[in-house]
């Protein structure tokens, strides 16, 4: 999964659209996300938002995908980010983080969010899709595996240990297209 962020020389644009094979976005949604990214090129701008939370009884961080007014991560399965972050992910971010991603075949999106928030001290930006970005006819995704969330909890706690602090920042900011609600 780390290979999805390799900074290929063939990438001529500043923007990278990282998209999973089971993501289903319309052309107008992609264009809207790109327009938002052009206004905030130092951020991850994407569609599925997630957040981290402190688990008081277990004294550890949790990965959470429940609907919430707040988010601290945007999944890179449908997101724009600057190509420089691909270079930093592949060559500057601590190797221990990439090793954990390889071991679990999971958490590369969390690792990218940690990296960008650490560098910018800014949260990602969630853009709202017109419909749903998941492909209803596609085979079951890796995220449906029972161990998926447990591994993501472990990744967050390990990444905090590597960075020495929690770099993810909460936001309630979301960008919606007015035209998505308009019948044309």
N, C-alpha and C. Protein backbone atom coordinates (compact mmCIF):
# COMPACT_ATOMS: atom_id res chain seq x y z
N UNK A 1 0.81 -1.21 0.00
CA UNK A 1 0.00 0.00 0.00
C UNK A 1 0.85 1.27 0.00
N UNK A 2 2.08 1.17 0.47
CA UNK A 2 2.95 2.34 0.43
C UNK A 2 3.22 2.78 -1.01
N UNK A 3 3.17 1.84 -1.94
CA UNK A 3 3.46 2.16 -3.34
C UNK A 3 2.48 3.16 -3.94
N UNK A 4 1.31 3.27 -3.37
CA UNK A 4 0.33 4.23 -3.92
C UNK A 4 0.83 5.66 -3.79
N UNK A 5 1.80 5.88 -2.91
CA UNK A 5 2.31 7.23 -2.70
C UNK A 5 3.72 7.43 -3.26
N UNK A 6 4.18 6.53 -4.11
CA UNK A 6 5.49 6.72 -4.73
C UNK A 6 5.45 7.98 -5.61
N UNK A 7 6.47 8.82 -5.52
CA UNK A 7 6.48 10.07 -6.30
C UNK A 7 7.02 9.85 -7.72
N UNK A 8 6.24 9.24 -8.55
CA UNK A 8 6.67 8.91 -9.91
C UNK A 8 7.08 10.16 -10.67
N UNK A 9 8.17 10.07 -11.44
CA UNK A 9 8.63 11.18 -12.27
C UNK A 9 7.58 11.57 -13.31
N UNK A 10 6.74 10.63 -13.69
CA UNK A 10 5.73 10.89 -14.71
C UNK A 10 4.61 11.80 -14.22
N UNK A 11 4.55 12.06 -12.93
CA UNK A 11 3.52 12.96 -12.40
C UNK A 11 3.99 14.39 -12.65
N UNK A 12 3.36 15.04 -13.62
CA UNK A 12 3.75 16.40 -14.00
C UNK A 12 2.96 17.46 -13.24
N UNK A 13 1.82 17.12 -12.75
CA UNK A 13 0.96 18.10 -12.08
C UNK A 13 1.32 18.22 -10.61
N UNK A 14 0.92 19.34 -10.00
CA UNK A 14 1.11 19.50 -8.56
C UNK A 14 0.13 18.63 -7.79
N UNK A 15 -1.06 18.47 -8.32
CA UNK A 15 -2.11 17.72 -7.63
C UNK A 15 -2.05 16.25 -7.98
N UNK A 16 -2.25 15.43 -6.96
CA UNK A 16 -2.45 14.00 -7.15
C UNK A 16 -3.86 13.67 -6.68
N UNK A 17 -4.61 12.99 -7.53
CA UNK A 17 -5.90 12.44 -7.11
C UNK A 17 -5.65 10.99 -6.77
N UNK A 18 -5.73 10.67 -5.50
CA UNK A 18 -5.57 9.30 -5.03
C UNK A 18 -6.97 8.72 -4.90
N UNK A 19 -7.21 7.63 -5.61
CA UNK A 19 -8.57 7.08 -5.63
C UNK A 19 -8.52 5.55 -5.63
N UNK A 20 -9.29 4.94 -4.75
CA UNK A 20 -9.38 3.49 -4.68
C UNK A 20 -10.16 2.94 -5.86
N UNK A 21 -9.93 1.67 -6.16
CA UNK A 21 -10.63 1.05 -7.29
C UNK A 21 -12.11 0.86 -7.02
N UNK A 22 -12.54 0.93 -5.76
CA UNK A 22 -13.97 0.78 -5.47
C UNK A 22 -14.65 2.12 -5.19
N UNK A 23 -13.93 3.22 -5.37
CA UNK A 23 -14.54 4.55 -5.21
C UNK A 23 -15.32 4.89 -6.47
N UNK A 24 -16.42 5.53 -6.28
CA UNK A 24 -17.29 5.85 -7.39
C UNK A 24 -17.63 7.34 -7.31
N UNK A 25 -16.88 8.14 -8.06
CA UNK A 25 -17.11 9.59 -8.07
C UNK A 25 -17.48 10.03 -9.48
N UNK A 26 -18.39 10.96 -9.54
CA UNK A 26 -18.79 11.53 -10.83
C UNK A 26 -17.78 12.61 -11.24
N UNK A 27 -17.80 12.93 -12.51
CA UNK A 27 -16.90 13.96 -13.04
C UNK A 27 -17.07 15.28 -12.29
N UNK A 28 -18.30 15.71 -12.05
CA UNK A 28 -18.52 16.99 -11.37
C UNK A 28 -18.02 16.96 -9.92
N UNK A 29 -18.07 15.81 -9.28
CA UNK A 29 -17.55 15.69 -7.92
C UNK A 29 -16.02 15.80 -7.91
N UNK A 30 -15.39 15.16 -8.88
CA UNK A 30 -13.93 15.24 -8.99
C UNK A 30 -13.50 16.68 -9.27
N UNK A 31 -14.19 17.35 -10.18
CA UNK A 31 -13.86 18.74 -10.50
C UNK A 31 -14.07 19.64 -9.29
N UNK A 32 -15.12 19.40 -8.54
CA UNK A 32 -15.38 20.20 -7.34
C UNK A 32 -14.26 19.99 -6.32
N UNK A 33 -13.88 18.75 -6.08
CA UNK A 33 -12.80 18.47 -5.14
C UNK A 33 -11.50 19.13 -5.58
N UNK A 34 -11.21 19.09 -6.86
CA UNK A 34 -9.99 19.72 -7.38
C UNK A 34 -10.03 21.23 -7.19
N UNK A 35 -11.18 21.84 -7.43
CA UNK A 35 -11.29 23.29 -7.24
C UNK A 35 -11.07 23.68 -5.78
N UNK A 36 -11.57 22.87 -4.88
CA UNK A 36 -11.34 23.14 -3.46
C UNK A 36 -9.85 22.97 -3.15
N UNK A 37 -9.23 21.92 -3.66
CA UNK A 37 -7.80 21.70 -3.41
C UNK A 37 -6.96 22.87 -3.92
N UNK A 38 -7.32 23.44 -5.07
CA UNK A 38 -6.55 24.57 -5.61
C UNK A 38 -6.55 25.76 -4.66
N UNK A 39 -7.56 25.85 -3.80
CA UNK A 39 -7.63 26.94 -2.82
C UNK A 39 -6.89 26.59 -1.53
N UNK A 40 -6.49 25.34 -1.38
CA UNK A 40 -5.80 24.89 -0.15
C UNK A 40 -4.80 23.80 -0.52
N UNK A 41 -3.79 24.15 -1.27
CA UNK A 41 -2.84 23.17 -1.83
C UNK A 41 -1.97 22.48 -0.80
N UNK A 42 -1.94 23.01 0.40
CA UNK A 42 -1.13 22.38 1.44
C UNK A 42 -1.92 21.35 2.24
N UNK A 43 -3.18 21.15 1.93
CA UNK A 43 -4.04 20.24 2.67
C UNK A 43 -4.37 18.99 1.87
N UNK A 44 -4.80 17.96 2.58
CA UNK A 44 -5.45 16.82 1.94
C UNK A 44 -6.91 17.23 1.80
N UNK A 45 -7.44 17.13 0.60
CA UNK A 45 -8.83 17.50 0.33
C UNK A 45 -9.50 16.28 -0.26
N UNK A 46 -10.54 15.78 0.41
CA UNK A 46 -11.18 14.58 -0.09
C UNK A 46 -12.57 14.36 0.44
N UNK A 47 -13.10 13.21 0.12
CA UNK A 47 -14.51 12.94 0.35
C UNK A 47 -14.82 12.18 1.64
N UNK A 48 -14.19 11.06 1.93
CA UNK A 48 -14.56 10.36 3.17
C UNK A 48 -13.77 10.88 4.38
N UNK A 49 -14.47 11.45 5.34
CA UNK A 49 -13.83 11.96 6.55
C UNK A 49 -13.89 10.96 7.69
N UNK A 50 -12.87 10.99 8.53
CA UNK A 50 -12.79 10.14 9.72
C UNK A 50 -12.20 10.97 10.86
N UNK A 51 -12.23 10.41 12.07
CA UNK A 51 -11.61 11.13 13.18
C UNK A 51 -11.00 10.18 14.19
N UNK A 52 -10.13 10.73 15.00
CA UNK A 52 -9.51 9.98 16.09
C UNK A 52 -10.16 10.42 17.39
N UNK A 53 -10.15 9.56 18.36
CA UNK A 53 -10.75 9.89 19.66
C UNK A 53 -9.94 9.22 20.77
N UNK A 54 -9.93 9.84 21.91
CA UNK A 54 -9.22 9.30 23.07
C UNK A 54 -10.14 8.35 23.81
N UNK A 55 -9.69 7.12 24.01
CA UNK A 55 -10.44 6.10 24.75
C UNK A 55 -9.99 6.17 26.21
N UNK A 56 -10.80 6.78 27.05
CA UNK A 56 -10.43 7.01 28.45
C UNK A 56 -10.18 5.70 29.20
N UNK A 57 -11.08 4.71 29.13
CA UNK A 57 -10.83 3.48 29.90
C UNK A 57 -9.53 2.77 29.52
N UNK A 58 -9.18 2.79 28.23
CA UNK A 58 -7.98 2.08 27.76
C UNK A 58 -6.77 2.99 27.62
N UNK A 59 -6.97 4.29 27.85
CA UNK A 59 -5.88 5.27 27.75
C UNK A 59 -5.12 5.13 26.43
N UNK A 60 -5.89 5.14 25.34
CA UNK A 60 -5.27 5.02 24.02
C UNK A 60 -6.15 5.72 22.98
N UNK A 61 -5.58 5.92 21.81
CA UNK A 61 -6.31 6.55 20.71
C UNK A 61 -7.10 5.51 19.94
N UNK A 62 -8.25 5.94 19.43
CA UNK A 62 -9.10 5.10 18.60
C UNK A 62 -9.32 5.75 17.24
N UNK A 63 -9.45 4.92 16.25
CA UNK A 63 -9.85 5.35 14.91
C UNK A 63 -11.36 5.24 14.85
N UNK A 64 -12.04 6.27 14.34
CA UNK A 64 -13.50 6.25 14.35
C UNK A 64 -14.05 6.65 12.99
N UNK A 65 -15.00 5.85 12.50
CA UNK A 65 -15.63 6.15 11.22
C UNK A 65 -17.11 6.48 11.37
N UNK A 66 -17.58 6.66 12.61
CA UNK A 66 -18.97 7.05 12.82
C UNK A 66 -19.22 8.45 12.28
N UNK A 67 -20.47 8.72 11.92
CA UNK A 67 -20.81 10.07 11.46
C UNK A 67 -20.63 11.03 12.62
N UNK A 68 -20.02 12.17 12.32
CA UNK A 68 -19.73 13.15 13.35
C UNK A 68 -19.66 14.53 12.71
N UNK A 69 -19.80 15.55 13.54
CA UNK A 69 -19.62 16.92 13.06
C UNK A 69 -18.15 17.26 12.91
N UNK A 70 -17.29 16.47 13.53
CA UNK A 70 -15.86 16.73 13.48
C UNK A 70 -15.15 15.64 12.70
N UNK A 71 -14.00 16.02 12.16
CA UNK A 71 -13.13 15.04 11.52
C UNK A 71 -11.69 15.48 11.72
N UNK A 72 -10.79 14.54 11.60
CA UNK A 72 -9.36 14.86 11.72
C UNK A 72 -8.55 14.18 10.62
N UNK A 73 -9.23 13.39 9.80
CA UNK A 73 -8.57 12.71 8.69
C UNK A 73 -9.51 12.68 7.49
N UNK A 74 -8.93 12.69 6.31
CA UNK A 74 -9.66 12.43 5.08
C UNK A 74 -8.97 11.24 4.43
N UNK A 75 -9.74 10.21 4.15
CA UNK A 75 -9.15 9.00 3.59
C UNK A 75 -8.64 9.26 2.18
N UNK A 76 -7.48 8.70 1.88
CA UNK A 76 -6.86 8.93 0.58
C UNK A 76 -7.40 7.99 -0.49
N UNK A 77 -8.47 7.29 -0.20
CA UNK A 77 -9.14 6.48 -1.20
C UNK A 77 -9.95 7.33 -2.17
N UNK A 78 -10.10 8.62 -1.85
CA UNK A 78 -10.78 9.58 -2.73
C UNK A 78 -10.37 10.98 -2.26
N UNK A 79 -9.13 11.37 -2.59
CA UNK A 79 -8.61 12.64 -2.09
C UNK A 79 -7.54 13.22 -3.01
N UNK A 80 -7.42 14.54 -2.93
CA UNK A 80 -6.35 15.28 -3.61
C UNK A 80 -5.30 15.68 -2.58
N UNK A 81 -4.04 15.64 -3.00
CA UNK A 81 -2.96 16.18 -2.17
C UNK A 81 -1.82 16.60 -3.09
N UNK A 82 -0.93 17.42 -2.57
CA UNK A 82 0.20 17.92 -3.37
C UNK A 82 1.21 16.79 -3.59
N UNK A 83 1.80 16.74 -4.77
CA UNK A 83 2.73 15.66 -5.11
C UNK A 83 3.96 15.66 -4.21
N UNK A 84 4.30 16.79 -3.62
CA UNK A 84 5.44 16.84 -2.72
C UNK A 84 5.23 15.93 -1.50
N UNK A 85 3.99 15.77 -1.08
CA UNK A 85 3.71 14.89 0.05
C UNK A 85 4.01 13.43 -0.28
N UNK A 86 3.87 13.06 -1.55
CA UNK A 86 4.22 11.69 -1.96
C UNK A 86 5.72 11.47 -1.77
N UNK A 87 6.51 12.47 -2.12
CA UNK A 87 7.96 12.38 -1.92
C UNK A 87 8.28 12.27 -0.43
N UNK A 88 7.69 13.14 0.37
CA UNK A 88 7.95 13.13 1.82
C UNK A 88 7.50 11.81 2.45
N UNK A 89 6.36 11.30 2.02
CA UNK A 89 5.87 10.02 2.53
C UNK A 89 6.88 8.91 2.22
N UNK A 90 7.37 8.88 1.01
CA UNK A 90 8.23 7.78 0.56
C UNK A 90 9.67 7.87 1.04
N UNK A 91 10.17 9.09 1.24
CA UNK A 91 11.61 9.24 1.51
C UNK A 91 11.97 9.96 2.81
N UNK A 92 11.02 10.64 3.43
CA UNK A 92 11.33 11.42 4.63
C UNK A 92 10.60 10.89 5.87
N UNK A 93 9.35 10.52 5.71
CA UNK A 93 8.58 10.00 6.84
C UNK A 93 9.32 8.80 7.45
N UNK A 94 9.28 8.65 8.77
CA UNK A 94 10.01 7.55 9.40
C UNK A 94 9.69 6.18 8.79
N UNK A 95 10.74 5.42 8.53
CA UNK A 95 10.61 4.09 7.93
C UNK A 95 9.74 3.17 8.78
N UNK A 96 9.77 3.34 10.10
CA UNK A 96 8.98 2.49 10.99
C UNK A 96 7.50 2.57 10.66
N UNK A 97 7.04 3.73 10.23
CA UNK A 97 5.63 3.90 9.87
C UNK A 97 5.33 3.13 8.59
N UNK A 98 6.19 3.27 7.58
CA UNK A 98 5.98 2.52 6.33
C UNK A 98 6.07 1.02 6.57
N UNK A 99 6.93 0.60 7.49
CA UNK A 99 7.04 -0.82 7.82
C UNK A 99 5.74 -1.34 8.41
N UNK A 100 5.11 -0.56 9.27
CA UNK A 100 3.84 -0.99 9.86
C UNK A 100 2.75 -1.08 8.80
N UNK A 101 2.73 -0.12 7.88
CA UNK A 101 1.77 -0.16 6.77
C UNK A 101 1.98 -1.43 5.95
N UNK A 102 3.22 -1.79 5.68
CA UNK A 102 3.52 -3.03 4.95
C UNK A 102 3.08 -4.26 5.74
N UNK A 103 3.34 -4.25 7.03
CA UNK A 103 2.99 -5.40 7.87
C UNK A 103 1.49 -5.63 7.91
N UNK A 104 0.72 -4.57 8.10
CA UNK A 104 -0.74 -4.70 8.23
C UNK A 104 -1.48 -4.65 6.90
N UNK A 105 -0.79 -4.19 5.85
CA UNK A 105 -1.46 -3.90 4.58
C UNK A 105 -2.67 -3.02 4.88
N UNK A 106 -2.41 -1.96 5.61
CA UNK A 106 -3.45 -1.08 6.15
C UNK A 106 -2.77 0.20 6.63
N UNK A 107 -3.53 1.24 6.81
CA UNK A 107 -3.13 2.47 7.52
C UNK A 107 -2.31 3.46 6.70
N UNK A 108 -2.11 3.24 5.41
CA UNK A 108 -1.34 4.21 4.62
C UNK A 108 -2.03 5.56 4.58
N UNK A 109 -3.36 5.55 4.58
CA UNK A 109 -4.11 6.81 4.57
C UNK A 109 -3.97 7.55 5.89
N UNK A 110 -3.96 6.82 6.98
CA UNK A 110 -3.76 7.44 8.30
C UNK A 110 -2.35 8.01 8.36
N UNK A 111 -1.37 7.26 7.86
CA UNK A 111 0.02 7.73 7.86
C UNK A 111 0.16 9.02 7.06
N UNK A 112 -0.50 9.12 5.92
CA UNK A 112 -0.43 10.34 5.11
C UNK A 112 -1.07 11.51 5.85
N UNK A 113 -2.18 11.27 6.53
CA UNK A 113 -2.82 12.34 7.31
C UNK A 113 -1.92 12.80 8.45
N UNK A 114 -1.27 11.86 9.13
CA UNK A 114 -0.32 12.23 10.19
C UNK A 114 0.78 13.12 9.62
N UNK A 115 1.35 12.70 8.50
CA UNK A 115 2.46 13.43 7.89
C UNK A 115 2.05 14.86 7.53
N UNK A 116 0.95 15.01 6.82
CA UNK A 116 0.53 16.34 6.36
C UNK A 116 0.14 17.23 7.54
N UNK A 117 -0.58 16.69 8.52
CA UNK A 117 -0.93 17.49 9.69
C UNK A 117 0.30 17.87 10.50
N UNK A 118 1.26 16.97 10.57
CA UNK A 118 2.52 17.26 11.27
C UNK A 118 3.27 18.41 10.59
N UNK A 119 3.31 18.40 9.28
CA UNK A 119 4.05 19.42 8.54
C UNK A 119 3.35 20.76 8.51
N UNK A 120 2.03 20.75 8.38
CA UNK A 120 1.29 22.00 8.17
C UNK A 120 0.64 22.55 9.44
N UNK A 121 0.41 21.69 10.41
CA UNK A 121 -0.37 22.03 11.61
C UNK A 121 -1.77 22.50 11.22
N UNK A 122 -2.31 21.85 10.18
CA UNK A 122 -3.66 22.14 9.69
C UNK A 122 -4.41 20.82 9.48
N UNK A 123 -5.72 20.84 9.70
CA UNK A 123 -6.50 19.63 9.43
C UNK A 123 -6.79 19.49 7.93
N UNK A 124 -7.27 18.33 7.52
CA UNK A 124 -7.67 18.16 6.12
C UNK A 124 -8.98 18.89 5.85
N UNK A 125 -9.39 18.89 4.60
CA UNK A 125 -10.67 19.48 4.21
C UNK A 125 -11.53 18.40 3.59
N UNK A 126 -12.73 18.24 4.14
CA UNK A 126 -13.69 17.29 3.59
C UNK A 126 -14.59 18.02 2.60
N UNK A 127 -14.75 17.43 1.44
CA UNK A 127 -15.73 17.93 0.48
C UNK A 127 -16.85 16.90 0.40
N UNK A 128 -18.04 17.40 0.21
CA UNK A 128 -19.21 16.51 0.19
C UNK A 128 -19.49 16.07 -1.24
N UNK A 129 -19.68 14.78 -1.41
CA UNK A 129 -20.01 14.25 -2.73
C UNK A 129 -21.51 14.40 -2.97
N UNK A 130 -21.88 14.33 -4.22
CA UNK A 130 -23.28 14.48 -4.59
C UNK A 130 -24.08 13.26 -4.13
N UNK A 131 -23.53 12.08 -4.32
CA UNK A 131 -24.20 10.85 -3.94
C UNK A 131 -23.35 10.11 -2.93
N UNK A 132 -22.97 8.91 -3.24
CA UNK A 132 -22.06 8.15 -2.39
C UNK A 132 -20.84 7.82 -3.22
N UNK A 133 -19.68 7.77 -2.60
CA UNK A 133 -18.47 7.51 -3.39
C UNK A 133 -18.13 6.04 -3.45
N UNK A 134 -18.91 5.17 -2.83
CA UNK A 134 -18.64 3.72 -2.86
C UNK A 134 -19.34 3.07 -4.03
N UNK A 135 -18.68 2.09 -4.57
CA UNK A 135 -19.20 1.34 -5.71
C UNK A 135 -20.09 0.21 -5.20
N UNK A 136 -21.41 0.27 -5.44
CA UNK A 136 -22.31 -0.75 -4.90
C UNK A 136 -22.11 -2.14 -5.51
N UNK A 137 -21.60 -2.24 -6.73
CA UNK A 137 -21.43 -3.54 -7.37
C UNK A 137 -20.04 -4.13 -7.25
N UNK A 138 -19.16 -3.45 -6.53
CA UNK A 138 -17.78 -3.92 -6.41
C UNK A 138 -17.66 -4.98 -5.32
N UNK A 139 -16.63 -5.83 -5.42
CA UNK A 139 -16.42 -6.83 -4.37
C UNK A 139 -16.14 -6.16 -3.03
N UNK A 140 -16.27 -6.95 -1.98
CA UNK A 140 -16.11 -6.42 -0.63
C UNK A 140 -14.70 -5.84 -0.44
N UNK A 141 -14.63 -4.66 0.17
CA UNK A 141 -13.36 -3.97 0.39
C UNK A 141 -12.62 -4.55 1.58
N UNK A 142 -11.32 -4.25 1.66
CA UNK A 142 -10.50 -4.68 2.79
C UNK A 142 -11.04 -4.13 4.11
N UNK A 143 -11.69 -2.98 4.07
CA UNK A 143 -12.18 -2.34 5.29
C UNK A 143 -13.32 -3.10 5.95
N UNK A 144 -13.87 -4.11 5.28
CA UNK A 144 -14.94 -4.91 5.89
C UNK A 144 -14.40 -6.08 6.72
N UNK A 145 -13.11 -6.29 6.68
CA UNK A 145 -12.47 -7.34 7.47
C UNK A 145 -12.56 -6.98 8.95
N UNK A 146 -12.82 -7.97 9.80
CA UNK A 146 -12.97 -7.74 11.24
C UNK A 146 -11.74 -7.10 11.88
N UNK A 147 -10.57 -7.44 11.38
CA UNK A 147 -9.34 -6.93 11.99
C UNK A 147 -9.01 -5.50 11.53
N UNK A 148 -9.71 -5.01 10.54
CA UNK A 148 -9.40 -3.71 9.94
C UNK A 148 -9.37 -2.58 10.97
N UNK A 149 -10.42 -2.44 11.76
CA UNK A 149 -10.49 -1.34 12.73
C UNK A 149 -9.50 -1.54 13.87
N UNK A 150 -9.32 -2.76 14.31
CA UNK A 150 -8.35 -3.03 15.38
C UNK A 150 -6.94 -2.63 14.93
N UNK A 151 -6.60 -2.97 13.70
CA UNK A 151 -5.29 -2.59 13.17
C UNK A 151 -5.15 -1.07 13.08
N UNK A 152 -6.23 -0.40 12.70
CA UNK A 152 -6.18 1.06 12.57
C UNK A 152 -6.01 1.73 13.94
N UNK A 153 -6.63 1.17 14.97
CA UNK A 153 -6.39 1.68 16.34
C UNK A 153 -4.91 1.55 16.68
N UNK A 154 -4.35 0.38 16.39
CA UNK A 154 -2.93 0.13 16.70
C UNK A 154 -2.03 1.07 15.90
N UNK A 155 -2.36 1.30 14.65
CA UNK A 155 -1.56 2.20 13.82
C UNK A 155 -1.54 3.61 14.41
N UNK A 156 -2.69 4.12 14.76
CA UNK A 156 -2.75 5.48 15.31
C UNK A 156 -1.87 5.59 16.55
N UNK A 157 -1.97 4.64 17.45
CA UNK A 157 -1.17 4.69 18.68
C UNK A 157 0.32 4.55 18.39
N UNK A 158 0.68 3.71 17.42
CA UNK A 158 2.08 3.57 17.05
C UNK A 158 2.61 4.85 16.40
N UNK A 159 1.81 5.44 15.52
CA UNK A 159 2.24 6.67 14.84
C UNK A 159 2.45 7.80 15.85
N UNK A 160 1.58 7.89 16.85
CA UNK A 160 1.74 8.89 17.91
C UNK A 160 3.06 8.66 18.64
N UNK A 161 3.37 7.41 18.89
CA UNK A 161 4.63 7.08 19.56
C UNK A 161 5.84 7.51 18.71
N UNK A 162 5.77 7.25 17.41
CA UNK A 162 6.87 7.61 16.52
C UNK A 162 7.02 9.13 16.43
N UNK A 163 5.92 9.85 16.27
CA UNK A 163 5.98 11.31 16.17
C UNK A 163 6.26 11.99 17.51
N UNK A 164 5.91 11.32 18.60
CA UNK A 164 6.11 11.90 19.92
C UNK A 164 4.97 12.77 20.38
N UNK A 165 3.93 12.87 19.58
CA UNK A 165 2.73 13.63 19.93
C UNK A 165 1.63 13.28 18.93
N UNK A 166 0.42 13.79 19.17
CA UNK A 166 -0.70 13.56 18.25
C UNK A 166 -0.80 14.74 17.28
N UNK A 167 -0.37 14.57 16.02
CA UNK A 167 -0.41 15.69 15.08
C UNK A 167 -1.78 15.96 14.45
N UNK A 168 -2.69 14.98 14.50
CA UNK A 168 -3.99 15.17 13.86
C UNK A 168 -4.77 16.27 14.57
N UNK A 169 -5.44 17.11 13.78
CA UNK A 169 -6.21 18.23 14.31
C UNK A 169 -7.66 18.09 13.89
N UNK A 170 -8.55 18.41 14.81
CA UNK A 170 -9.98 18.33 14.53
C UNK A 170 -10.44 19.57 13.75
N UNK A 171 -11.44 19.36 12.94
CA UNK A 171 -12.08 20.46 12.24
C UNK A 171 -13.56 20.14 12.07
N UNK A 172 -14.36 21.18 11.99
CA UNK A 172 -15.77 21.03 11.65
C UNK A 172 -16.04 21.62 10.27
N UNK A 173 -14.98 22.05 9.62
CA UNK A 173 -15.09 22.69 8.31
C UNK A 173 -15.31 21.64 7.23
N UNK A 174 -16.30 21.92 6.40
CA UNK A 174 -16.63 21.03 5.28
C UNK A 174 -17.04 21.92 4.12
N UNK A 175 -16.71 21.53 2.92
CA UNK A 175 -17.06 22.32 1.75
C UNK A 175 -18.12 21.57 0.96
N UNK A 176 -19.26 22.22 0.78
CA UNK A 176 -20.37 21.65 0.02
C UNK A 176 -20.59 22.46 -1.25
N UNK A 177 -20.93 21.80 -2.32
CA UNK A 177 -21.27 22.49 -3.55
C UNK A 177 -22.75 22.82 -3.53
N UNK A 178 -23.07 24.07 -3.72
CA UNK A 178 -24.47 24.49 -3.77
C UNK A 178 -25.16 23.82 -4.96
N UNK A 179 -24.44 23.64 -6.06
CA UNK A 179 -25.05 23.07 -7.26
C UNK A 179 -25.43 21.61 -7.10
N UNK A 180 -24.81 20.89 -6.15
CA UNK A 180 -25.18 19.49 -5.97
C UNK A 180 -26.62 19.34 -5.50
N UNK A 181 -27.18 20.39 -4.92
CA UNK A 181 -28.56 20.34 -4.41
C UNK A 181 -29.56 20.91 -5.42
N UNK A 182 -29.06 21.38 -6.55
CA UNK A 182 -29.91 22.04 -7.53
C UNK A 182 -30.22 21.10 -8.68
N UNK A 183 -31.48 21.02 -9.04
CA UNK A 183 -31.86 20.24 -10.22
C UNK A 183 -31.73 21.11 -11.46
N UNK A 184 -30.87 20.69 -12.36
CA UNK A 184 -30.66 21.48 -13.59
C UNK A 184 -31.31 20.82 -14.77
